[in-house]
Amino acid sequence: MNLLIIDDDKSVSSSLTNSIKIEFKIEIFNAGNGQDALDIIKNNEIDIVLSDIKMPGINGIELISKIKQEKPGKITDVILMTGYPDMNSVLNALRNGAYDYIKKPINIEELVLILQRAIDHQTLIKENTQFKDNFDHLVKQEEETIRSRWESIQTTQNEFYKMFNIGLFSKEMTDIVNFALKCHQNREIPVLIEGETGSGKEVIAKIVHYGKTNPLSPFVAINCSAVPENLFESELFGYERGAFTGADIKGKAGMMELAKGGTLFLDEIGDLPASMQAKLLRALQEKEIYRIGGNKKIKLDFRLICATNKSLNEMVNDNQFRSDLYYRINTAYIKIPPLSDRKNEIVPLAYLFLKEFSDSNACKAKGLSYETEQLLVKHHWTGNVRQLKNAIFRAAFIAEKEELTPDCFHFLGFNHQDCLDMRNTLTINFDQEQLDIYEVEVLIAKQALNKFKHNKVHTARFLNISVNKLRRILGEM
């Protein structure tokens, strides 16, 4: 709180300063005239002014309006001192905005009471201003929270509606999804998902989380391989304000806290730093944590799903992963086979991804040529389903015709000789549990039709069947 005393009599000004300092812990400035006072007010935050009315130059009443002009919007309490306390001068001072007045010679006890009221008034003004600023900030924060929550709900719904459009083209993947749905029914059971990069671990994790009920509970994911080791603890547990240099002044909730009522998904948990494995294990056992720098216990309530592209069992045997943590997170186990072990799914998945791309983009391509299908099956997909999906999207984007041909996949290394080889060979997958002879007939008929550039007469003659039978095989009759 700052006070400015204005009096052309230095002895009066000094006496007032000493007396006020005895009663109040307050910063006091002094001026001998109105102009000097305005200079001080311009360069300092003055809350209360104690000024003589009769001064050379700018008098006390004129000073009130000039203070308002100098600091518009700032409420400064001006207390006027007068040796001529007639009613007209008092009323004139109050009409012009004076906070109060006091007669000269000054009675210190009376001045102390007036100053105390002014100090209380200024304190109230500051508190109201602070409250208004905080209120506006809180309203803005709440608006952002509501907007973020609404966007999260929309994202959740979109993810849910797409969830079962993943393409189940084998009994193996159907069984995996059914097991994931079973895991969804019990939030207390941790789930460990193992599979190569791009095989669909996060998709299965979301099926475990969402189930078929479309919950709006949070799905909080953290990639253990993407977080620097020195930041991992603060990301997982959160921190209080001032917990460390560079910390957010408001503090921050950790991923475990944000996952309350929902799912915490630790992707690539095999890359979890050794220093964090013990801390994570303790948190899972105790079901409670403290933020970094905090002393408030935070109860945990989330479903835990972990995923890895490594063999955690081998890592445990090599002392690279804690065995007690491994057993804690490995209650329900899901192993996703690589796409190289599911070759019969490649073509159906390719058509699914092509449809997905064409539904959301201006895309000419609607199908795949026979040679393309065979080359896709033959190709080694190191990036699994994710790589296949990206390849289809990329080929569909550059395609200028309704059928994706091998040249649309030049970035995969497909060449003209590969196409010729495909025209003259037929690949049948005998790894299936069952082989439908009718499907083999269709494959032979389609490949022969491609060989003769869709001339059904030449194709039928080559296969030694009638044109009508060829049409029946192709489903055209």
Protein backbone atom coordinates (compact mmCIF):
# COMPACT_ATOMS: atom_id res chain seq x y z
CA MET A 1 0.00 0.00 0.00
CA ASN A 2 1.47 3.39 -1.04
CA LEU A 3 0.63 6.84 0.41
CA LEU A 4 1.52 10.23 -1.06
CA ILE A 5 1.64 13.28 1.31
CA ILE A 6 1.44 16.69 -0.41
CA ASP A 7 2.15 19.87 1.58
CA ASP A 8 4.27 22.89 0.79
CA ASP A 9 5.32 23.05 4.46
CA LYS A 10 8.13 20.51 4.77
CA SER A 11 7.92 20.43 8.57
CA VAL A 12 4.24 19.43 8.39
CA SER A 13 4.97 16.83 5.75
CA SER A 14 7.85 15.34 7.79
CA SER A 15 5.81 15.28 11.01
CA LEU A 16 2.90 13.51 9.28
CA THR A 17 5.26 10.98 7.71
CA ASN A 18 6.83 10.05 11.05
CA SER A 19 3.48 9.75 12.83
CA ILE A 20 1.91 7.60 10.11
CA LYS A 21 4.89 5.24 9.96
CA ILE A 22 4.42 4.53 13.67
CA GLU A 23 0.84 3.37 13.05
CA PHE A 24 1.03 1.68 9.60
CA LYS A 25 3.46 -0.43 7.61
CA ILE A 26 3.03 1.63 4.46
CA GLU A 27 5.27 3.12 1.77
CA ILE A 28 5.16 6.94 1.96
CA PHE A 29 6.08 9.44 -0.79
CA ASN A 30 6.31 13.23 -0.30
CA ALA A 31 5.69 16.18 -2.64
CA GLY A 32 5.71 19.96 -2.07
CA ASN A 33 3.21 20.94 -4.78
CA GLY A 34 0.61 19.54 -7.16
CA GLN A 35 2.90 19.20 -10.19
CA ASP A 36 5.54 17.23 -8.28
CA ALA A 37 2.72 15.05 -6.94
CA LEU A 38 1.51 14.27 -10.48
CA ASP A 39 5.03 13.28 -11.51
CA ILE A 40 5.21 10.85 -8.57
CA ILE A 41 1.74 9.43 -9.35
CA LYS A 42 2.72 8.97 -12.99
CA ASN A 43 5.77 6.85 -12.11
CA ASN A 44 4.43 4.98 -9.06
CA GLU A 45 1.37 3.01 -7.95
CA ILE A 46 -0.18 5.45 -5.43
CA ASP A 47 -3.25 4.21 -3.56
CA ILE A 48 -3.96 7.05 -1.09
CA VAL A 49 -3.22 10.77 -1.36
CA LEU A 50 -3.14 13.08 1.70
CA SER A 51 -3.07 16.59 0.27
CA ASP A 52 -3.42 20.18 1.45
CA ILE A 53 -6.16 22.10 -0.36
CA LYS A 54 -4.32 25.43 -0.45
CA MET A 55 -1.13 24.97 -2.49
CA PRO A 56 0.72 27.08 -5.06
CA GLY A 57 -0.15 26.14 -8.65
CA ILE A 58 -2.49 23.17 -8.65
CA ASN A 59 -4.71 23.17 -5.55
CA GLY A 60 -6.03 20.06 -3.84
CA ILE A 61 -9.43 20.02 -5.54
CA GLU A 62 -7.94 20.48 -9.03
CA LEU A 63 -5.49 17.70 -8.22
CA ILE A 64 -8.34 15.19 -7.84
CA SER A 65 -9.45 15.52 -11.49
CA LYS A 66 -5.85 15.51 -12.76
CA ILE A 67 -5.13 12.28 -10.87
CA LYS A 68 -8.12 10.69 -12.61
CA GLN A 69 -6.81 11.89 -15.98
CA GLU A 70 -3.32 10.59 -15.23
CA LYS A 71 -4.51 7.11 -14.14
CA PRO A 72 -7.89 6.45 -15.77
CA GLY A 73 -9.64 3.45 -14.25
CA LYS A 74 -7.46 3.57 -11.14
CA ILE A 75 -9.32 4.44 -7.91
CA THR A 76 -7.12 6.66 -5.75
CA ASP A 77 -8.51 7.80 -2.38
CA VAL A 78 -7.74 11.49 -1.89
CA ILE A 79 -7.96 12.89 1.66
CA LEU A 80 -7.87 16.69 1.75
CA MET A 81 -6.42 18.78 4.59
CA THR A 82 -7.86 22.26 5.10
CA GLY A 83 -7.35 25.05 7.58
CA TYR A 84 -10.65 26.61 6.53
CA PRO A 85 -13.28 23.96 7.15
CA ASP A 86 -16.34 25.88 5.98
CA MET A 87 -19.22 23.75 4.72
CA ASN A 88 -19.02 25.02 1.10
CA SER A 89 -15.36 24.00 0.67
CA VAL A 90 -16.02 20.59 2.24
CA LEU A 91 -19.01 19.94 -0.04
CA ASN A 92 -17.04 21.13 -3.07
CA ALA A 93 -14.19 18.74 -2.22
CA LEU A 94 -16.53 15.76 -1.79
CA ARG A 95 -18.46 16.58 -5.01
CA ASN A 96 -15.18 16.53 -6.92
CA GLY A 97 -14.35 13.03 -5.69
CA ALA A 98 -12.45 13.45 -2.42
CA TYR A 99 -12.57 10.36 -0.22
CA ASP A 100 -12.62 12.40 3.02
CA TYR A 101 -11.26 15.56 4.60
CA ILE A 102 -9.55 16.54 7.87
CA LYS A 103 -9.07 19.90 9.57
CA LYS A 104 -5.74 21.52 10.32
CA PRO A 105 -3.99 21.39 12.71
CA ILE A 106 -4.06 17.64 12.23
CA ASN A 107 -5.33 15.42 15.02
CA ILE A 108 -3.24 12.28 14.56
CA GLU A 109 -5.81 9.96 16.15
CA GLU A 110 -8.49 11.27 13.78
CA LEU A 111 -6.11 10.93 10.81
CA VAL A 112 -5.31 7.34 11.79
CA LEU A 113 -9.03 6.45 11.72
CA ILE A 114 -9.52 8.08 8.29
CA LEU A 115 -6.39 6.40 6.89
CA GLN A 116 -7.50 3.03 8.25
CA ARG A 117 -10.82 3.37 6.42
CA ALA A 118 -8.99 4.36 3.23
CA ILE A 119 -6.58 1.42 3.57
CA ASP A 120 -9.53 -0.96 4.11
CA HIS A 121 -11.24 0.56 1.06
CA GLN A 122 -8.16 0.09 -1.09
CA THR A 123 -7.71 -3.49 0.17
CA LEU A 124 -11.30 -4.26 -0.78
CA ILE A 125 -10.79 -2.75 -4.25
CA LYS A 126 -7.67 -4.88 -4.80
CA GLU A 127 -9.43 -8.03 -3.59
CA ASN A 128 -12.40 -7.36 -5.88
CA THR A 129 -10.10 -6.72 -8.83
CA GLN A 130 -8.17 -9.90 -8.10
CA PHE A 131 -11.40 -11.84 -7.67
CA LYS A 132 -12.72 -10.52 -11.00
CA ASP A 133 -9.47 -11.40 -12.77
CA ASN A 134 -9.45 -14.87 -11.20
CA PHE A 135 -13.15 -15.31 -11.94
CA ASP A 136 -12.63 -14.44 -15.62
CA HIS A 137 -9.67 -16.83 -15.70
CA LEU A 138 -11.69 -19.59 -14.02
CA VAL A 139 -14.60 -19.07 -16.43
CA LYS A 140 -12.20 -19.26 -19.37
CA GLN A 141 -10.61 -22.39 -17.93
CA GLU A 142 -14.02 -23.98 -17.44
CA GLU A 143 -15.04 -23.10 -21.00
CA GLU A 144 -11.84 -24.72 -22.29
CA THR A 145 -12.49 -27.79 -20.12
CA ILE A 146 -16.05 -28.12 -21.42
CA ARG A 147 -14.91 -27.63 -25.03
CA SER A 148 -12.11 -30.16 -24.58
CA ARG A 149 -14.53 -32.64 -22.97
CA TRP A 150 -17.01 -32.21 -25.81
CA GLU A 151 -14.30 -32.77 -28.42
CA SER A 152 -13.17 -35.82 -26.45
CA ILE A 153 -16.73 -37.21 -26.45
CA GLN A 154 -17.02 -36.68 -30.20
CA THR A 155 -13.64 -38.37 -30.76
CA THR A 156 -14.69 -41.25 -28.51
CA GLN A 157 -17.92 -41.75 -30.42
CA ASN A 158 -16.13 -41.64 -33.79
CA GLU A 159 -13.59 -44.18 -32.57
CA PHE A 160 -16.33 -46.43 -31.25
CA TYR A 161 -18.32 -46.40 -34.49
CA LYS A 162 -15.17 -47.31 -36.42
CA MET A 163 -14.05 -49.88 -33.88
CA PHE A 164 -15.67 -52.96 -35.37
CA ASN A 165 -14.93 -51.94 -38.94
CA ILE A 166 -11.44 -53.40 -38.49
CA GLY A 167 -12.02 -56.40 -40.75
CA LEU A 168 -12.21 -59.83 -39.18
CA PHE A 169 -11.22 -62.13 -42.01
CA SER A 170 -9.90 -65.11 -40.06
CA LYS A 171 -10.98 -67.25 -37.15
CA GLU A 172 -7.77 -66.29 -35.36
CA MET A 173 -8.54 -62.54 -35.39
CA THR A 174 -12.20 -63.19 -34.55
CA ASP A 175 -11.10 -65.16 -31.47
CA ILE A 176 -8.75 -62.33 -30.45
CA VAL A 177 -11.54 -59.73 -30.67
CA ASN A 178 -13.95 -61.98 -28.75
CA PHE A 179 -11.34 -62.42 -26.00
CA ALA A 180 -10.77 -58.65 -25.91
CA LEU A 181 -14.52 -58.15 -25.41
CA LYS A 182 -14.41 -60.66 -22.57
CA CYS A 183 -11.55 -58.71 -20.96
CA HIS A 184 -13.68 -55.57 -21.20
CA GLN A 185 -16.16 -57.03 -18.73
CA ASN A 186 -13.67 -56.93 -15.83
CA ARG A 187 -11.77 -53.68 -15.25
CA GLU A 188 -9.65 -55.22 -12.48
CA ILE A 189 -7.81 -57.59 -14.85
CA PRO A 190 -4.65 -56.11 -16.44
CA VAL A 191 -4.23 -56.97 -20.12
CA LEU A 192 -0.92 -57.48 -21.92
CA ILE A 193 -0.92 -57.33 -25.73
CA GLU A 194 2.13 -58.52 -27.67
CA GLY A 195 2.63 -58.10 -31.39
CA GLU A 196 4.91 -56.63 -34.03
CA THR A 197 4.83 -52.94 -34.85
CA GLY A 198 1.78 -52.10 -36.94
CA SER A 199 -0.07 -55.32 -36.15
CA GLY A 200 -2.98 -53.52 -34.46
CA LYS A 201 -2.18 -53.60 -30.72
CA GLU A 202 -3.81 -50.23 -30.00
CA VAL A 203 -6.96 -51.23 -31.91
CA ILE A 204 -7.31 -54.33 -29.72
CA ALA A 205 -6.58 -52.20 -26.62
CA LYS A 206 -9.46 -49.90 -27.55
CA ILE A 207 -11.78 -52.86 -28.00
CA VAL A 208 -10.85 -53.95 -24.46
CA HIS A 209 -11.60 -50.40 -23.27
CA TYR A 210 -14.77 -49.59 -25.21
CA GLY A 211 -16.33 -53.03 -25.49
CA LYS A 212 -19.71 -52.77 -27.18
CA THR A 213 -21.19 -50.26 -24.73
CA ASN A 214 -19.52 -47.08 -26.04
CA PRO A 215 -18.40 -45.74 -22.63
CA LEU A 216 -17.35 -42.10 -22.37
CA SER A 217 -14.66 -42.91 -19.82
CA PRO A 218 -11.14 -41.70 -20.74
CA PHE A 219 -8.66 -43.74 -22.76
CA VAL A 220 -5.26 -42.30 -21.76
CA ALA A 221 -2.35 -43.55 -23.85
CA ILE A 222 1.36 -43.02 -23.29
CA ASN A 223 4.12 -44.35 -25.52
CA CYS A 224 6.90 -45.50 -23.21
CA SER A 225 9.49 -45.31 -25.99
CA ALA A 226 8.67 -41.67 -26.78
CA VAL A 227 9.06 -40.12 -23.29
CA PRO A 228 12.58 -39.09 -22.12
CA GLU A 229 13.62 -40.99 -18.99
CA ASN A 230 14.01 -37.80 -16.91
CA LEU A 231 10.41 -36.77 -17.68
CA PHE A 232 8.74 -40.14 -17.26
CA GLU A 233 7.90 -39.84 -13.57
CA SER A 234 6.30 -36.40 -13.96
CA GLU A 235 4.30 -37.60 -16.99
CA LEU A 236 3.00 -40.66 -15.16
CA PHE A 237 2.48 -39.27 -11.63
CA GLY A 238 2.15 -35.52 -12.28
CA TYR A 239 3.68 -32.76 -10.14
CA GLU A 240 2.77 -29.84 -7.88
CA ARG A 241 3.62 -26.21 -8.59
CA GLY A 242 7.29 -25.43 -8.11
CA ALA A 243 8.23 -29.11 -7.85
CA PHE A 244 11.24 -28.57 -10.12
CA THR A 245 12.81 -25.97 -12.40
CA GLY A 246 10.62 -25.40 -15.46
CA ALA A 247 7.52 -26.92 -13.87
CA ASP A 248 4.14 -25.42 -14.78
CA ILE A 249 3.25 -22.84 -12.11
CA LYS A 250 -0.17 -24.46 -11.69
CA GLY A 251 1.20 -27.99 -11.41
CA LYS A 252 0.03 -30.82 -13.63
CA ALA A 253 -2.01 -34.00 -13.27
CA GLY A 254 -0.22 -37.18 -14.37
CA MET A 255 -1.49 -39.79 -16.82
CA MET A 256 -2.52 -42.12 -13.98
CA GLU A 257 -4.67 -39.39 -12.48
CA LEU A 258 -6.21 -38.43 -15.83
CA ALA A 259 -7.19 -42.06 -16.48
CA LYS A 260 -9.51 -42.14 -13.46
CA GLY A 261 -12.60 -44.20 -14.24
CA GLY A 262 -11.18 -45.27 -17.61
CA THR A 263 -8.13 -46.95 -19.10
CA LEU A 264 -4.39 -46.30 -18.88
CA PHE A 265 -2.71 -47.70 -22.00
CA LEU A 266 1.07 -48.11 -21.69
CA ASP A 267 2.26 -48.71 -25.23
CA GLU A 268 5.70 -50.29 -25.78
CA ILE A 269 6.06 -51.03 -22.07
CA GLY A 270 9.19 -53.01 -22.86
CA ASP A 271 10.92 -49.63 -23.24
CA LEU A 272 9.88 -48.48 -19.74
CA PRO A 273 13.03 -47.19 -17.99
CA ALA A 274 14.37 -49.52 -15.30
CA SER A 275 14.14 -46.68 -12.75
CA MET A 276 10.38 -46.44 -13.37
CA GLN A 277 9.55 -50.14 -13.28
CA ALA A 278 9.72 -50.34 -9.47
CA LYS A 279 7.71 -47.13 -9.06
CA LEU A 280 5.04 -48.34 -11.47
CA LEU A 281 4.84 -51.69 -9.66
CA ARG A 282 4.39 -49.98 -6.29
CA ALA A 283 1.67 -47.69 -7.67
CA LEU A 284 -0.21 -50.68 -9.11
CA GLN A 285 0.10 -52.61 -5.83
CA GLU A 286 -0.91 -49.73 -3.55
CA LYS A 287 -3.43 -48.22 -6.01
CA GLU A 288 -2.34 -44.77 -4.91
CA ILE A 289 0.33 -42.20 -5.78
CA TYR A 290 1.70 -38.82 -4.78
CA ARG A 291 2.44 -36.12 -7.32
CA ILE A 292 6.09 -35.06 -7.45
CA GLY A 293 6.53 -32.42 -4.74
CA GLY A 294 3.12 -33.19 -3.29
CA ASN A 295 1.94 -34.65 0.01
CA LYS A 296 -1.68 -35.39 -0.94
CA LYS A 297 -2.46 -39.06 -1.53
CA ILE A 298 -4.22 -39.70 -4.87
CA LYS A 299 -6.28 -42.88 -5.20
CA LEU A 300 -5.99 -44.71 -8.53
CA ASP A 301 -8.94 -46.09 -10.46
CA PHE A 302 -8.18 -47.26 -13.98
CA ARG A 303 -8.06 -50.35 -16.18
CA LEU A 304 -4.46 -51.16 -17.14
CA ILE A 305 -3.60 -52.28 -20.66
CA CYS A 306 0.01 -52.72 -21.74
CA ALA A 307 1.37 -53.41 -25.21
CA THR A 308 4.80 -54.37 -26.49
CA ASN A 309 6.51 -55.37 -29.71
CA LYS A 310 9.12 -57.28 -27.69
CA SER A 311 8.95 -60.57 -25.83
CA LEU A 312 8.70 -59.50 -22.19
CA ASN A 313 9.26 -63.12 -21.13
CA GLU A 314 12.65 -63.10 -22.86
CA MET A 315 13.43 -59.68 -21.36
CA VAL A 316 12.67 -61.07 -17.90
CA ASN A 317 15.02 -64.01 -18.54
CA ASP A 318 17.71 -61.53 -19.67
CA ASN A 319 17.15 -59.34 -16.55
CA GLN A 320 15.98 -56.44 -18.71
CA PHE A 321 12.47 -56.34 -17.23
CA ARG A 322 11.31 -56.89 -13.65
CA SER A 323 9.69 -60.30 -13.23
CA ASP A 324 7.32 -59.05 -10.49
CA LEU A 325 6.06 -56.25 -12.76
CA TYR A 326 5.70 -58.70 -15.65
CA TYR A 327 3.50 -61.01 -13.59
CA ARG A 328 1.49 -58.02 -12.32
CA ILE A 329 0.57 -56.79 -15.82
CA ASN A 330 0.23 -60.21 -17.49
CA THR A 331 -3.05 -61.51 -16.11
CA ALA A 332 -4.85 -61.55 -19.47
CA TYR A 333 -2.54 -62.13 -22.45
CA ILE A 334 -3.24 -61.42 -26.13
CA LYS A 335 -0.77 -62.32 -28.87
CA ILE A 336 -1.43 -60.72 -32.28
CA PRO A 337 0.22 -62.70 -35.12
CA PRO A 338 2.08 -60.75 -37.81
CA LEU A 339 0.46 -60.21 -41.19
CA SER A 340 2.99 -62.61 -42.73
CA ASP A 341 1.20 -65.39 -40.81
CA ARG A 342 -2.22 -64.19 -42.00
CA LYS A 343 -1.74 -63.97 -45.76
CA ASN A 344 -5.34 -64.96 -46.43
CA GLU A 345 -6.38 -61.66 -44.81
CA ILE A 346 -4.25 -59.41 -47.02
CA VAL A 347 -6.61 -59.05 -50.00
CA PRO A 348 -9.80 -58.60 -47.91
CA LEU A 349 -7.99 -56.01 -45.78
CA ALA A 350 -6.77 -54.24 -48.91
CA TYR A 351 -10.36 -53.92 -50.19
CA LEU A 352 -11.50 -52.70 -46.77
CA PHE A 353 -8.84 -49.97 -46.72
CA LEU A 354 -9.59 -49.02 -50.34
CA LYS A 355 -13.26 -48.56 -49.46
CA GLU A 356 -12.33 -46.53 -46.37
CA PHE A 357 -10.15 -44.24 -48.47
CA SER A 358 -12.66 -43.86 -51.31
CA ASP A 359 -15.49 -43.09 -48.85
CA SER A 360 -13.64 -40.08 -47.45
CA ASN A 361 -11.73 -38.90 -50.55
CA ALA A 362 -12.32 -38.22 -54.22
CA CYS A 363 -10.89 -41.52 -55.38
CA LYS A 364 -11.31 -43.17 -58.79
CA ALA A 365 -10.05 -46.59 -57.75
CA LYS A 366 -12.74 -49.05 -56.67
CA GLY A 367 -10.94 -52.40 -56.98
CA LEU A 368 -7.67 -54.30 -57.42
CA SER A 369 -6.44 -56.17 -60.46
CA TYR A 370 -5.72 -59.87 -60.12
CA GLU A 371 -1.97 -59.27 -60.52
CA THR A 372 -2.11 -56.65 -57.75
CA GLU A 373 -3.89 -59.01 -55.40
CA GLN A 374 -1.27 -61.70 -55.96
CA LEU A 375 1.63 -59.30 -55.56
CA LEU A 376 0.17 -57.92 -52.31
CA VAL A 377 -0.10 -61.46 -50.94
CA LYS A 378 3.45 -62.24 -52.04
CA HIS A 379 4.91 -59.03 -50.55
CA HIS A 380 6.61 -59.18 -47.13
CA TRP A 381 4.81 -56.60 -44.94
CA THR A 382 7.40 -55.71 -42.30
CA GLY A 383 5.12 -52.95 -41.04
CA ASN A 384 2.15 -55.32 -40.90
CA VAL A 385 -1.45 -54.03 -41.21
CA ARG A 386 -0.41 -50.39 -40.74
CA GLN A 387 2.00 -50.62 -43.71
CA LEU A 388 -0.63 -52.32 -45.88
CA LYS A 389 -3.17 -49.61 -45.05
CA ASN A 390 -0.72 -46.81 -45.87
CA ALA A 391 0.24 -48.54 -49.12
CA ILE A 392 -3.41 -48.81 -50.22
CA PHE A 393 -4.07 -45.15 -49.31
CA ARG A 394 -0.97 -44.02 -51.20
CA ALA A 395 -1.76 -46.11 -54.30
CA ALA A 396 -5.42 -44.97 -54.31
CA PHE A 397 -4.33 -41.34 -54.05
CA ILE A 398 -2.18 -41.49 -57.18
CA ALA A 399 -4.43 -43.87 -59.17
CA GLU A 400 -6.04 -42.50 -62.33
CA LYS A 401 -8.18 -45.55 -63.09
CA GLU A 402 -10.87 -47.61 -61.40
CA GLU A 403 -8.59 -50.58 -60.78
CA LEU A 404 -5.36 -50.48 -58.78
CA THR A 405 -2.69 -52.12 -60.91
CA PRO A 406 0.86 -53.08 -59.89
CA ASP A 407 2.30 -49.85 -61.31
CA CYS A 408 0.30 -47.94 -58.63
CA PHE A 409 2.54 -49.70 -56.08
CA HIS A 410 5.90 -48.81 -57.65
CA PHE A 411 7.05 -47.54 -54.22
CA LEU A 412 6.91 -51.18 -53.00
CA GLY A 413 9.27 -52.28 -55.78
CA PHE A 414 6.68 -54.04 -57.93
CA ASN A 415 7.95 -54.31 -61.54
CA HIS A 416 6.78 -55.45 -64.97
CA GLN A 417 8.37 -58.89 -64.66
CA ASP A 418 6.47 -59.48 -61.40
CA CYS A 419 3.25 -58.79 -63.28
CA LEU A 420 4.14 -61.27 -66.06
CA ASP A 421 4.98 -63.88 -63.43
CA MET A 422 1.61 -63.33 -61.76
CA ARG A 423 -0.25 -63.78 -65.06
CA ASN A 424 1.37 -67.15 -65.64
CA THR A 425 1.18 -68.59 -62.12
CA LEU A 426 -1.58 -69.30 -59.64
CA THR A 427 -0.98 -69.12 -55.88
CA ILE A 428 -3.26 -71.08 -53.57
CA ASN A 429 -2.96 -70.79 -49.79
CA PHE A 430 -3.05 -74.30 -48.29
CA ASP A 431 -2.46 -72.97 -44.74
CA GLN A 432 -6.18 -72.37 -44.33
CA GLU A 433 -8.25 -74.65 -42.12
CA GLN A 434 -10.58 -75.26 -45.05
CA LEU A 435 -10.28 -74.78 -48.81
CA ASP A 436 -13.36 -74.16 -50.93
CA ILE A 437 -12.89 -75.73 -54.39
CA TYR A 438 -15.34 -73.21 -55.83
CA GLU A 439 -13.02 -70.37 -54.77
CA VAL A 440 -10.16 -72.11 -56.63
CA GLU A 441 -12.35 -72.28 -59.78
CA VAL A 442 -13.05 -68.54 -59.46
CA LEU A 443 -9.33 -67.77 -59.08
CA ILE A 444 -8.47 -69.85 -62.16
CA ALA A 445 -11.25 -68.27 -64.20
CA LYS A 446 -10.25 -64.71 -63.22
CA GLN A 447 -6.59 -65.28 -63.95
CA ALA A 448 -7.34 -66.85 -67.32
CA LEU A 449 -9.70 -63.97 -68.11
CA ASN A 450 -6.87 -61.50 -67.38
CA LYS A 451 -4.54 -63.51 -69.60
CA PHE A 452 -6.92 -63.09 -72.55
CA LYS A 453 -7.76 -59.45 -71.73
CA HIS A 454 -11.34 -60.29 -70.64
CA ASN A 455 -12.22 -62.09 -73.87
CA LYS A 456 -14.64 -64.72 -72.58
CA VAL A 457 -14.65 -66.81 -75.80
CA HIS A 458 -10.85 -67.22 -75.79
CA THR A 459 -10.86 -67.78 -72.02
CA ALA A 460 -13.54 -70.51 -72.22
CA ARG A 461 -11.67 -72.19 -75.08
CA PHE A 462 -8.43 -72.10 -73.00
CA LEU A 463 -10.18 -73.66 -69.98
CA ASN A 464 -12.01 -76.17 -72.21
CA ILE A 465 -15.42 -75.11 -70.88
CA SER A 466 -18.40 -73.34 -72.40
CA VAL A 467 -18.84 -69.56 -72.20
CA ASN A 468 -22.03 -70.10 -70.16
CA LYS A 469 -20.13 -72.21 -67.61
CA LEU A 470 -17.44 -69.53 -67.42
CA ARG A 471 -20.14 -66.97 -66.67
CA ARG A 472 -21.63 -69.20 -63.98
CA ILE A 473 -18.21 -69.56 -62.32
CA LEU A 474 -17.76 -65.79 -62.40
CA GLY A 475 -21.22 -65.32 -60.89
CA GLU A 476 -22.62 -63.56 -63.93
CA MET A 477 -25.57 -65.92 -64.31
